[in-house]
Amino acid sequence: MVIVLGSVTLQAGRLDEALALSQEHVERSRAEAGCLAHAVHQDTEDAHRLVFVERWSDRAALEVHFKVPASREFVNALTTLSSAPPAMALYEAVEMTL
């Protein structure tokens, strides 16, 4: 499984637009093959920062997601609303049971 953690800090006054774009992207991504979970959250310590948490079945599914034109368009649109470049980290994970 691949975990993706991403974040973006937005320009003042751009939160509503970014949330709308982000929620549309999340919903579209959830329908893709290999997407196990995809969500966007607003940082409680910085109201201008959005955090993305994704789980993908494997690297191949994530790479297909990155190649979807709508995914690239989303990143480009979100970047124009940001005050700094977005950040993203990928992790290979194994689910553990308690």
PDB file of N, CA and C in Angstrom:
ATOM      1  N   MET A   1       0.857  -1.170   0.000  1.00  0.00           N
ATOM      2  CA  MET A   1       0.000   0.000   0.000  1.00  0.00           C
ATOM      3  C   MET A   1       0.901   1.231   0.000  1.00  0.00           C
ATOM      4  N   VAL A   2       0.437   2.282  -0.659  1.00  0.00           N
ATOM      5  CA  VAL A   2       1.161   3.546  -0.712  1.00  0.00           C
ATOM      6  C   VAL A   2       0.318   4.607  -0.016  1.00  0.00           C
ATOM      7  N   ILE A   3       0.967   5.338   0.884  1.00  0.00           N
ATOM      8  CA  ILE A   3       0.334   6.463   1.575  1.00  0.00           C
ATOM      9  C   ILE A   3       0.903   7.747   0.984  1.00  0.00           C
ATOM     10  N   VAL A   4       0.037   8.685   0.671  1.00  0.00           N
ATOM     11  CA  VAL A   4       0.454   9.990   0.169  1.00  0.00           C
ATOM     12  C   VAL A   4      -0.008  11.033   1.175  1.00  0.00           C
ATOM     13  N   LEU A   5       0.927  11.863   1.618  1.00  0.00           N
ATOM     14  CA  LEU A   5       0.607  13.002   2.473  1.00  0.00           C
ATOM     15  C   LEU A   5       1.021  14.255   1.714  1.00  0.00           C
ATOM     16  N   GLY A   6       0.066  15.134   1.495  1.00  0.00           N
ATOM     17  CA  GLY A   6       0.350  16.367   0.776  1.00  0.00           C
ATOM     18  C   GLY A   6      -0.196  17.553   1.532  1.00  0.00           C
ATOM     19  N   SER A   7       0.354  18.711   1.249  1.00  0.00           N
ATOM     20  CA  SER A   7      -0.172  19.923   1.876  1.00  0.00           C
ATOM     21  C   SER A   7       0.096  21.119   0.970  1.00  0.00           C
ATOM     22  N   VAL A   8      -0.711  22.136   1.185  1.00  0.00           N
ATOM     23  CA  VAL A   8      -0.550  23.380   0.455  1.00  0.00           C
ATOM     24  C   VAL A   8      -1.009  24.523   1.352  1.00  0.00           C
ATOM     25  N   THR A   9      -0.264  25.611   1.340  1.00  0.00           N
ATOM     26  CA  THR A   9      -0.653  26.822   2.051  1.00  0.00           C
ATOM     27  C   THR A   9      -1.164  27.809   1.018  1.00  0.00           C
ATOM     28  N   LEU A  10      -2.347  28.337   1.280  1.00  0.00           N
ATOM     29  CA  LEU A  10      -3.050  29.153   0.292  1.00  0.00           C
ATOM     30  C   LEU A  10      -2.840  30.642   0.500  1.00  0.00           C
ATOM     31  N   GLN A  11      -3.003  31.374  -0.582  1.00  0.00           N
ATOM     32  CA  GLN A  11      -3.015  32.829  -0.511  1.00  0.00           C
ATOM     33  C   GLN A  11      -4.256  33.263   0.269  1.00  0.00           C
ATOM     34  N   ALA A  12      -4.168  34.391   0.944  1.00  0.00           N
ATOM     35  CA  ALA A  12      -5.322  34.924   1.677  1.00  0.00           C
ATOM     36  C   ALA A  12      -6.487  35.110   0.715  1.00  0.00           C
ATOM     37  N   GLY A  13      -7.677  34.718   1.165  1.00  0.00           N
ATOM     38  CA  GLY A  13      -8.881  34.893   0.371  1.00  0.00           C
ATOM     39  C   GLY A  13      -9.123  33.809  -0.670  1.00  0.00           C
ATOM     40  N   ARG A  14      -8.298  32.787  -0.735  1.00  0.00           N
ATOM     41  CA  ARG A  14      -8.440  31.757  -1.762  1.00  0.00           C
ATOM     42  C   ARG A  14      -8.925  30.415  -1.203  1.00  0.00           C
ATOM     43  N   LEU A  15      -9.227  30.363   0.102  1.00  0.00           N
ATOM     44  CA  LEU A  15      -9.591  29.103   0.742  1.00  0.00           C
ATOM     45  C   LEU A  15     -10.834  28.463   0.128  1.00  0.00           C
ATOM     46  N   ASP A  16     -11.905  29.206  -0.029  1.00  0.00           N
ATOM     47  CA  ASP A  16     -13.149  28.621  -0.546  1.00  0.00           C
ATOM     48  C   ASP A  16     -12.947  28.023  -1.935  1.00  0.00           C
ATOM     49  N   GLU A  17     -12.242  28.735  -2.787  1.00  0.00           N
ATOM     50  CA  GLU A  17     -11.967  28.245  -4.138  1.00  0.00           C
ATOM     51  C   GLU A  17     -11.115  26.970  -4.081  1.00  0.00           C
ATOM     52  N   ALA A  18     -10.106  26.968  -3.225  1.00  0.00           N
ATOM     53  CA  ALA A  18      -9.232  25.800  -3.095  1.00  0.00           C
ATOM     54  C   ALA A  18      -9.980  24.605  -2.520  1.00  0.00           C
ATOM     55  N   LEU A  19     -10.846  24.835  -1.555  1.00  0.00           N
ATOM     56  CA  LEU A  19     -11.625  23.733  -0.981  1.00  0.00           C
ATOM     57  C   LEU A  19     -12.560  23.122  -2.019  1.00  0.00           C
ATOM     58  N   ALA A  20     -13.184  23.953  -2.824  1.00  0.00           N
ATOM     59  CA  ALA A  20     -14.084  23.442  -3.862  1.00  0.00           C
ATOM     60  C   ALA A  20     -13.305  22.603  -4.884  1.00  0.00           C
ATOM     61  N   LEU A  21     -12.169  23.104  -5.343  1.00  0.00           N
ATOM     62  CA  LEU A  21     -11.328  22.348  -6.279  1.00  0.00           C
ATOM     63  C   LEU A  21     -10.855  21.040  -5.650  1.00  0.00           C
ATOM     64  N   SER A  22     -10.451  21.122  -4.396  1.00  0.00           N
ATOM     65  CA  SER A  22      -9.906  19.958  -3.697  1.00  0.00           C
ATOM     66  C   SER A  22     -10.962  18.884  -3.487  1.00  0.00           C
ATOM     67  N   GLN A  23     -12.155  19.282  -3.085  1.00  0.00           N
ATOM     68  CA  GLN A  23     -13.207  18.299  -2.853  1.00  0.00           C
ATOM     69  C   GLN A  23     -13.606  17.610  -4.156  1.00  0.00           C
ATOM     70  N   GLU A  24     -13.638  18.363  -5.242  1.00  0.00           N
ATOM     71  CA  GLU A  24     -13.932  17.774  -6.551  1.00  0.00           C
ATOM     72  C   GLU A  24     -12.845  16.753  -6.923  1.00  0.00           C
ATOM     73  N   HIS A  25     -11.597  17.106  -6.680  1.00  0.00           N
ATOM     74  CA  HIS A  25     -10.481  16.200  -6.970  1.00  0.00           C
ATOM     75  C   HIS A  25     -10.556  14.937  -6.104  1.00  0.00           C
ATOM     76  N   VAL A  26     -10.853  15.105  -4.835  1.00  0.00           N
ATOM     77  CA  VAL A  26     -10.964  13.970  -3.909  1.00  0.00           C
ATOM     78  C   VAL A  26     -12.050  13.006  -4.385  1.00  0.00           C
ATOM     79  N   GLU A  27     -13.205  13.523  -4.694  1.00  0.00           N
ATOM     80  CA  GLU A  27     -14.319  12.669  -5.123  1.00  0.00           C
ATOM     81  C   GLU A  27     -13.998  11.947  -6.425  1.00  0.00           C
ATOM     82  N   ARG A  28     -13.364  12.634  -7.360  1.00  0.00           N
ATOM     83  CA  ARG A  28     -12.981  12.014  -8.631  1.00  0.00           C
ATOM     84  C   ARG A  28     -11.929  10.926  -8.383  1.00  0.00           C
ATOM     85  N   SER A  29     -10.970  11.210  -7.535  1.00  0.00           N
ATOM     86  CA  SER A  29      -9.894  10.262  -7.257  1.00  0.00           C
ATOM     87  C   SER A  29     -10.407   8.995  -6.584  1.00  0.00           C
ATOM     88  N   ARG A  30     -11.374   9.125  -5.709  1.00  0.00           N
ATOM     89  CA  ARG A  30     -11.927   7.962  -5.005  1.00  0.00           C
ATOM     90  C   ARG A  30     -12.506   6.927  -5.972  1.00  0.00           C
ATOM     91  N   ALA A  31     -12.905   7.356  -7.143  1.00  0.00           N
ATOM     92  CA  ALA A  31     -13.496   6.443  -8.122  1.00  0.00           C
ATOM     93  C   ALA A  31     -12.441   5.722  -8.966  1.00  0.00           C
ATOM     94  N   GLU A  32     -11.185   6.103  -8.833  1.00  0.00           N
ATOM     95  CA  GLU A  32     -10.123   5.498  -9.632  1.00  0.00           C
ATOM     96  C   GLU A  32      -9.738   4.126  -9.094  1.00  0.00           C
ATOM     97  N   ALA A  33      -9.357   3.246 -10.006  1.00  0.00           N
ATOM     98  CA  ALA A  33      -8.896   1.912  -9.621  1.00  0.00           C
ATOM     99  C   ALA A  33      -7.685   2.034  -8.697  1.00  0.00           C
ATOM    100  N   GLY A  34      -7.715   1.300  -7.605  1.00  0.00           N
ATOM    101  CA  GLY A  34      -6.592   1.286  -6.677  1.00  0.00           C
ATOM    102  C   GLY A  34      -6.638   2.334  -5.590  1.00  0.00           C
ATOM    103  N   CYS A  35      -7.589   3.270  -5.649  1.00  0.00           N
ATOM    104  CA  CYS A  35      -7.716   4.273  -4.593  1.00  0.00           C
ATOM    105  C   CYS A  35      -8.476   3.643  -3.429  1.00  0.00           C
ATOM    106  N   LEU A  36      -7.810   3.547  -2.283  1.00  0.00           N
ATOM    107  CA  LEU A  36      -8.419   2.980  -1.080  1.00  0.00           C
ATOM    108  C   LEU A  36      -9.031   4.067  -0.199  1.00  0.00           C
ATOM    109  N   ALA A  37      -8.461   5.256  -0.242  1.00  0.00           N
ATOM    110  CA  ALA A  37      -8.978   6.398   0.524  1.00  0.00           C
ATOM    111  C   ALA A  37      -8.336   7.670  -0.026  1.00  0.00           C
ATOM    112  N   HIS A  38      -9.096   8.751   0.047  1.00  0.00           N
ATOM    113  CA  HIS A  38      -8.591  10.039  -0.445  1.00  0.00           C
ATOM    114  C   HIS A  38      -9.383  11.124   0.268  1.00  0.00           C
ATOM    115  N   ALA A  39      -8.695  12.032   0.967  1.00  0.00           N
ATOM    116  CA  ALA A  39      -9.396  13.060   1.726  1.00  0.00           C
ATOM    117  C   ALA A  39      -8.576  14.348   1.774  1.00  0.00           C
ATOM    118  N   VAL A  40      -9.277  15.446   1.982  1.00  0.00           N
ATOM    119  CA  VAL A  40      -8.640  16.742   2.199  1.00  0.00           C
ATOM    120  C   VAL A  40      -9.131  17.268   3.540  1.00  0.00           C
ATOM    121  N   HIS A  41      -8.210  17.876   4.294  1.00  0.00           N
ATOM    122  CA  HIS A  41      -8.523  18.410   5.615  1.00  0.00           C
ATOM    123  C   HIS A  41      -7.957  19.820   5.741  1.00  0.00           C
ATOM    124  N   GLN A  42      -8.630  20.644   6.527  1.00  0.00           N
ATOM    125  CA  GLN A  42      -8.119  21.977   6.813  1.00  0.00           C
ATOM    126  C   GLN A  42      -7.342  21.918   8.119  1.00  0.00           C
ATOM    127  N   ASP A  43      -6.135  22.430   8.117  1.00  0.00           N
ATOM    128  CA  ASP A  43      -5.261  22.441   9.285  1.00  0.00           C
ATOM    129  C   ASP A  43      -5.898  23.299  10.388  1.00  0.00           C
ATOM    130  N   THR A  44      -6.034  22.745  11.580  1.00  0.00           N
ATOM    131  CA  THR A  44      -6.658  23.493  12.683  1.00  0.00           C
ATOM    132  C   THR A  44      -5.728  24.548  13.268  1.00  0.00           C
ATOM    133  N   GLU A  45      -4.445  24.486  12.957  1.00  0.00           N
ATOM    134  CA  GLU A  45      -3.493  25.478  13.463  1.00  0.00           C
ATOM    135  C   GLU A  45      -3.177  26.560  12.436  1.00  0.00           C
ATOM    136  N   ASP A  46      -3.506  26.304  11.175  1.00  0.00           N
ATOM    137  CA  ASP A  46      -3.271  27.274  10.103  1.00  0.00           C
ATOM    138  C   ASP A  46      -4.429  27.150   9.119  1.00  0.00           C
ATOM    139  N   ALA A  47      -5.394  28.013   9.227  1.00  0.00           N
ATOM    140  CA  ALA A  47      -6.620  27.934   8.427  1.00  0.00           C
ATOM    141  C   ALA A  47      -6.365  28.062   6.928  1.00  0.00           C
ATOM    142  N   HIS A  48      -5.180  28.517   6.537  1.00  0.00           N
ATOM    143  CA  HIS A  48      -4.846  28.652   5.116  1.00  0.00           C
ATOM    144  C   HIS A  48      -4.117  27.425   4.568  1.00  0.00           C
ATOM    145  N   ARG A  49      -4.002  26.385   5.385  1.00  0.00           N
ATOM    146  CA  ARG A  49      -3.267  25.179   4.965  1.00  0.00           C
ATOM    147  C   ARG A  49      -4.221  23.994   4.830  1.00  0.00           C
ATOM    148  N   LEU A  50      -4.166  23.348   3.664  1.00  0.00           N
ATOM    149  CA  LEU A  50      -4.929  22.129   3.424  1.00  0.00           C
ATOM    150  C   LEU A  50      -3.980  20.944   3.448  1.00  0.00           C
ATOM    151  N   VAL A  51      -4.459  19.837   3.990  1.00  0.00           N
ATOM    152  CA  VAL A  51      -3.669  18.615   4.085  1.00  0.00           C
ATOM    153  C   VAL A  51      -4.429  17.497   3.376  1.00  0.00           C
ATOM    154  N   PHE A  52      -3.729  16.762   2.536  1.00  0.00           N
ATOM    155  CA  PHE A  52      -4.310  15.656   1.784  1.00  0.00           C
ATOM    156  C   PHE A  52      -3.747  14.347   2.313  1.00  0.00           C
ATOM    157  N   VAL A  53      -4.641  13.386   2.522  1.00  0.00           N
ATOM    158  CA  VAL A  53      -4.244  12.054   2.979  1.00  0.00           C
ATOM    159  C   VAL A  53      -4.853  11.052   1.999  1.00  0.00           C
ATOM    160  N   GLU A  54      -3.986  10.236   1.402  1.00  0.00           N
ATOM    161  CA  GLU A  54      -4.431   9.270   0.399  1.00  0.00           C
ATOM    162  C   GLU A  54      -3.845   7.900   0.703  1.00  0.00           C
ATOM    163  N   ARG A  55      -4.602   6.856   0.379  1.00  0.00           N
ATOM    164  CA  ARG A  55      -4.108   5.480   0.437  1.00  0.00           C
ATOM    165  C   ARG A  55      -4.384   4.824  -0.909  1.00  0.00           C
ATOM    166  N   TRP A  56      -3.355   4.244  -1.506  1.00  0.00           N
ATOM    167  CA  TRP A  56      -3.451   3.589  -2.804  1.00  0.00           C
ATOM    168  C   TRP A  56      -3.001   2.147  -2.658  1.00  0.00           C
ATOM    169  N   SER A  57      -3.594   1.274  -3.444  1.00  0.00           N
ATOM    170  CA  SER A  57      -3.279  -0.153  -3.344  1.00  0.00           C
ATOM    171  C   SER A  57      -1.811  -0.438  -3.645  1.00  0.00           C
ATOM    172  N   ASP A  58      -1.239   0.306  -4.606  1.00  0.00           N
ATOM    173  CA  ASP A  58       0.162   0.103  -4.967  1.00  0.00           C
ATOM    174  C   ASP A  58       0.676   1.293  -5.770  1.00  0.00           C
ATOM    175  N   ARG A  59       1.963   1.282  -6.018  1.00  0.00           N
ATOM    176  CA  ARG A  59       2.612   2.386  -6.727  1.00  0.00           C
ATOM    177  C   ARG A  59       2.063   2.527  -8.151  1.00  0.00           C
ATOM    178  N   ALA A  60       1.769   1.401  -8.798  1.00  0.00           N
ATOM    179  CA  ALA A  60       1.256   1.453 -10.172  1.00  0.00           C
ATOM    180  C   ALA A  60      -0.061   2.219 -10.243  1.00  0.00           C
ATOM    181  N   ALA A  61      -0.964   1.979  -9.296  1.00  0.00           N
ATOM    182  CA  ALA A  61      -2.247   2.694  -9.274  1.00  0.00           C
ATOM    183  C   ALA A  61      -2.028   4.184  -9.061  1.00  0.00           C
ATOM    184  N   LEU A  62      -1.094   4.525  -8.186  1.00  0.00           N
ATOM    185  CA  LEU A  62      -0.795   5.936  -7.933  1.00  0.00           C
ATOM    186  C   LEU A  62      -0.208   6.596  -9.174  1.00  0.00           C
ATOM    187  N   GLU A  63       0.666   5.906  -9.870  1.00  0.00           N
ATOM    188  CA  GLU A  63       1.261   6.468 -11.085  1.00  0.00           C
ATOM    189  C   GLU A  63       0.206   6.707 -12.160  1.00  0.00           C
ATOM    190  N   VAL A  64      -0.767   5.815 -12.266  1.00  0.00           N
ATOM    191  CA  VAL A  64      -1.875   6.033 -13.206  1.00  0.00           C
ATOM    192  C   VAL A  64      -2.643   7.288 -12.795  1.00  0.00           C
ATOM    193  N   HIS A  65      -2.893   7.438 -11.491  1.00  0.00           N
ATOM    194  CA  HIS A  65      -3.589   8.619 -10.971  1.00  0.00           C
ATOM    195  C   HIS A  65      -2.848   9.907 -11.342  1.00  0.00           C
ATOM    196  N   PHE A  66      -1.528   9.893 -11.197  1.00  0.00           N
ATOM    197  CA  PHE A  66      -0.735  11.079 -11.521  1.00  0.00           C
ATOM    198  C   PHE A  66      -0.824  11.431 -13.004  1.00  0.00           C
ATOM    199  N   LYS A  67      -1.081  10.453 -13.863  1.00  0.00           N
ATOM    200  CA  LYS A  67      -1.139  10.683 -15.307  1.00  0.00           C
ATOM    201  C   LYS A  67      -2.522  11.113 -15.793  1.00  0.00           C
ATOM    202  N   VAL A  68      -3.535  11.026 -14.933  1.00  0.00           N
ATOM    203  CA  VAL A  68      -4.885  11.455 -15.316  1.00  0.00           C
ATOM    204  C   VAL A  68      -4.844  12.967 -15.575  1.00  0.00           C
ATOM    205  N   PRO A  69      -5.278  13.414 -16.749  1.00  0.00           N
ATOM    206  CA  PRO A  69      -5.226  14.851 -17.038  1.00  0.00           C
ATOM    207  C   PRO A  69      -5.892  15.712 -15.960  1.00  0.00           C
ATOM    208  N   ALA A  70      -7.014  15.263 -15.426  1.00  0.00           N
ATOM    209  CA  ALA A  70      -7.699  16.053 -14.396  1.00  0.00           C
ATOM    210  C   ALA A  70      -6.847  16.190 -13.137  1.00  0.00           C
ATOM    211  N   SER A  71      -6.031  15.200 -12.833  1.00  0.00           N
ATOM    212  CA  SER A  71      -5.136  15.293 -11.668  1.00  0.00           C
ATOM    213  C   SER A  71      -4.074  16.360 -11.898  1.00  0.00           C
ATOM    214  N   ARG A  72      -3.497  16.368 -13.076  1.00  0.00           N
ATOM    215  CA  ARG A  72      -2.484  17.388 -13.393  1.00  0.00           C
ATOM    216  C   ARG A  72      -3.112  18.780 -13.396  1.00  0.00           C
ATOM    217  N   GLU A  73      -4.324  18.891 -13.952  1.00  0.00           N
ATOM    218  CA  GLU A  73      -5.021  20.185 -13.969  1.00  0.00           C
ATOM    219  C   GLU A  73      -5.307  20.664 -12.550  1.00  0.00           C
ATOM    220  N   PHE A  74      -5.683  19.733 -11.665  1.00  0.00           N
ATOM    221  CA  PHE A  74      -5.938  20.091 -10.273  1.00  0.00           C
ATOM    222  C   PHE A  74      -4.678  20.662  -9.621  1.00  0.00           C
ATOM    223  N   VAL A  75      -3.563  19.976  -9.774  1.00  0.00           N
ATOM    224  CA  VAL A  75      -2.304  20.445  -9.166  1.00  0.00           C
ATOM    225  C   VAL A  75      -1.946  21.823  -9.702  1.00  0.00           C
ATOM    226  N   ASN A  76      -2.074  22.026 -11.001  1.00  0.00           N
ATOM    227  CA  ASN A  76      -1.763  23.331 -11.588  1.00  0.00           C
ATOM    228  C   ASN A  76      -2.681  24.418 -11.042  1.00  0.00           C
ATOM    229  N   ALA A  77      -3.974  24.134 -10.953  1.00  0.00           N
ATOM    230  CA  ALA A  77      -4.930  25.120 -10.449  1.00  0.00           C
ATOM    231  C   ALA A  77      -4.670  25.440  -8.989  1.00  0.00           C
ATOM    232  N   LEU A  78      -4.408  24.400  -8.180  1.00  0.00           N
ATOM    233  CA  LEU A  78      -4.160  24.616  -6.758  1.00  0.00           C
ATOM    234  C   LEU A  78      -2.872  25.411  -6.542  1.00  0.00           C
ATOM    235  N   THR A  79      -1.879  25.145  -7.365  1.00  0.00           N
ATOM    236  CA  THR A  79      -0.606  25.861  -7.250  1.00  0.00           C
ATOM    237  C   THR A  79      -0.798  27.355  -7.486  1.00  0.00           C
ATOM    238  N   THR A  80      -1.697  27.735  -8.392  1.00  0.00           N
ATOM    239  CA  THR A  80      -1.929  29.161  -8.646  1.00  0.00           C
ATOM    240  C   THR A  80      -2.597  29.845  -7.460  1.00  0.00           C
ATOM    241  N   LEU A  81      -3.231  29.058  -6.579  1.00  0.00           N
ATOM    242  CA  LEU A  81      -3.898  29.619  -5.400  1.00  0.00           C
ATOM    243  C   LEU A  81      -3.007  29.605  -4.167  1.00  0.00           C
ATOM    244  N   SER A  82      -1.825  29.017  -4.294  1.00  0.00           N
ATOM    245  CA  SER A  82      -0.969  28.820  -3.124  1.00  0.00           C
ATOM    246  C   SER A  82       0.006  29.972  -2.921  1.00  0.00           C
ATOM    247  N   SER A  83       0.461  30.095  -1.673  1.00  0.00           N
ATOM    248  CA  SER A  83       1.460  31.114  -1.348  1.00  0.00           C
ATOM    249  C   SER A  83       2.865  30.521  -1.342  1.00  0.00           C
ATOM    250  N   ALA A  84       2.967  29.198  -1.456  1.00  0.00           N
ATOM    251  CA  ALA A  84       4.244  28.490  -1.518  1.00  0.00           C
ATOM    252  C   ALA A  84       4.000  27.196  -2.285  1.00  0.00           C
ATOM    253  N   PRO A  85       5.046  26.608  -2.827  1.00  0.00           N
ATOM    254  CA  PRO A  85       4.842  25.359  -3.575  1.00  0.00           C
ATOM    255  C   PRO A  85       4.216  24.274  -2.699  1.00  0.00           C
ATOM    256  N   PRO A  86       3.290  23.499  -3.251  1.00  0.00           N
ATOM    257  CA  PRO A  86       2.714  22.385  -2.492  1.00  0.00           C
ATOM    258  C   PRO A  86       3.799  21.369  -2.135  1.00  0.00           C
ATOM    259  N   ALA A  87       3.561  20.637  -1.049  1.00  0.00           N
ATOM    260  CA  ALA A  87       4.488  19.587  -0.612  1.00  0.00           C
ATOM    261  C   ALA A  87       3.792  18.238  -0.714  1.00  0.00           C
ATOM    262  N   MET A  88       4.573  17.192  -1.021  1.00  0.00           N
ATOM    263  CA  MET A  88       4.001  15.857  -1.101  1.00  0.00           C
ATOM    264  C   MET A  88       5.075  14.848  -0.711  1.00  0.00           C
ATOM    265  N   ALA A  89       4.661  13.839   0.064  1.00  0.00           N
ATOM    266  CA  ALA A  89       5.553  12.752   0.447  1.00  0.00           C
ATOM    267  C   ALA A  89       4.820  11.430   0.222  1.00  0.00           C
ATOM    268  N   LEU A  90       5.557  10.437  -0.287  1.00  0.00           N
ATOM    269  CA  LEU A  90       4.999   9.107  -0.538  1.00  0.00           C
ATOM    270  C   LEU A  90       5.644   8.122   0.427  1.00  0.00           C
ATOM    271  N   TYR A  91       4.821   7.190   0.929  1.00  0.00           N
ATOM    272  CA  TYR A  91       5.311   6.181   1.865  1.00  0.00           C
ATOM    273  C   TYR A  91       4.785   4.814   1.457  1.00  0.00           C
ATOM    274  N   GLU A  92       5.646   3.834   1.482  1.00  0.00           N
ATOM    275  CA  GLU A  92       5.224   2.460   1.285  1.00  0.00           C
ATOM    276  C   GLU A  92       4.869   1.925   2.667  1.00  0.00           C
ATOM    277  N   ALA A  93       3.696   1.327   2.800  1.00  0.00           N
ATOM    278  CA  ALA A  93       3.222   0.914   4.129  1.00  0.00           C
ATOM    279  C   ALA A  93       2.611  -0.480   4.081  1.00  0.00           C
ATOM    280  N   VAL A  94       2.623  -1.095   5.238  1.00  0.00           N
ATOM    281  CA  VAL A  94       1.970  -2.372   5.438  1.00  0.00           C
ATOM    282  C   VAL A  94       0.968  -2.168   6.568  1.00  0.00           C
ATOM    283  N   GLU A  95      -0.284  -2.524   6.322  1.00  0.00           N
ATOM    284  CA  GLU A  95      -1.306  -2.347   7.352  1.00  0.00           C
ATOM    285  C   GLU A  95      -1.082  -3.354   8.474  1.00  0.00           C
ATOM    286  N   MET A  96      -1.187  -2.871   9.694  1.00  0.00           N
ATOM    287  CA  MET A  96      -0.991  -3.715  10.870  1.00  0.00           C
ATOM    288  C   MET A  96      -2.315  -3.868  11.603  1.00  0.00           C
ATOM    289  N   THR A  97      -2.550  -5.003  12.172  1.00  0.00           N
ATOM    290  CA  THR A  97      -3.752  -5.203  12.973  1.00  0.00           C
ATOM    291  C   THR A  97      -3.369  -5.177  14.443  1.00  0.00           C
ATOM    292  N   LEU A  98      -4.294  -4.754  15.260  1.00  0.00           N
ATOM    293  CA  LEU A  98      -4.050  -4.697  16.703  1.00  0.00           C
ATOM    294  C   LEU A  98      -4.427  -5.994  17.362  1.00  0.00           C
TER     295      LEU A  98
END
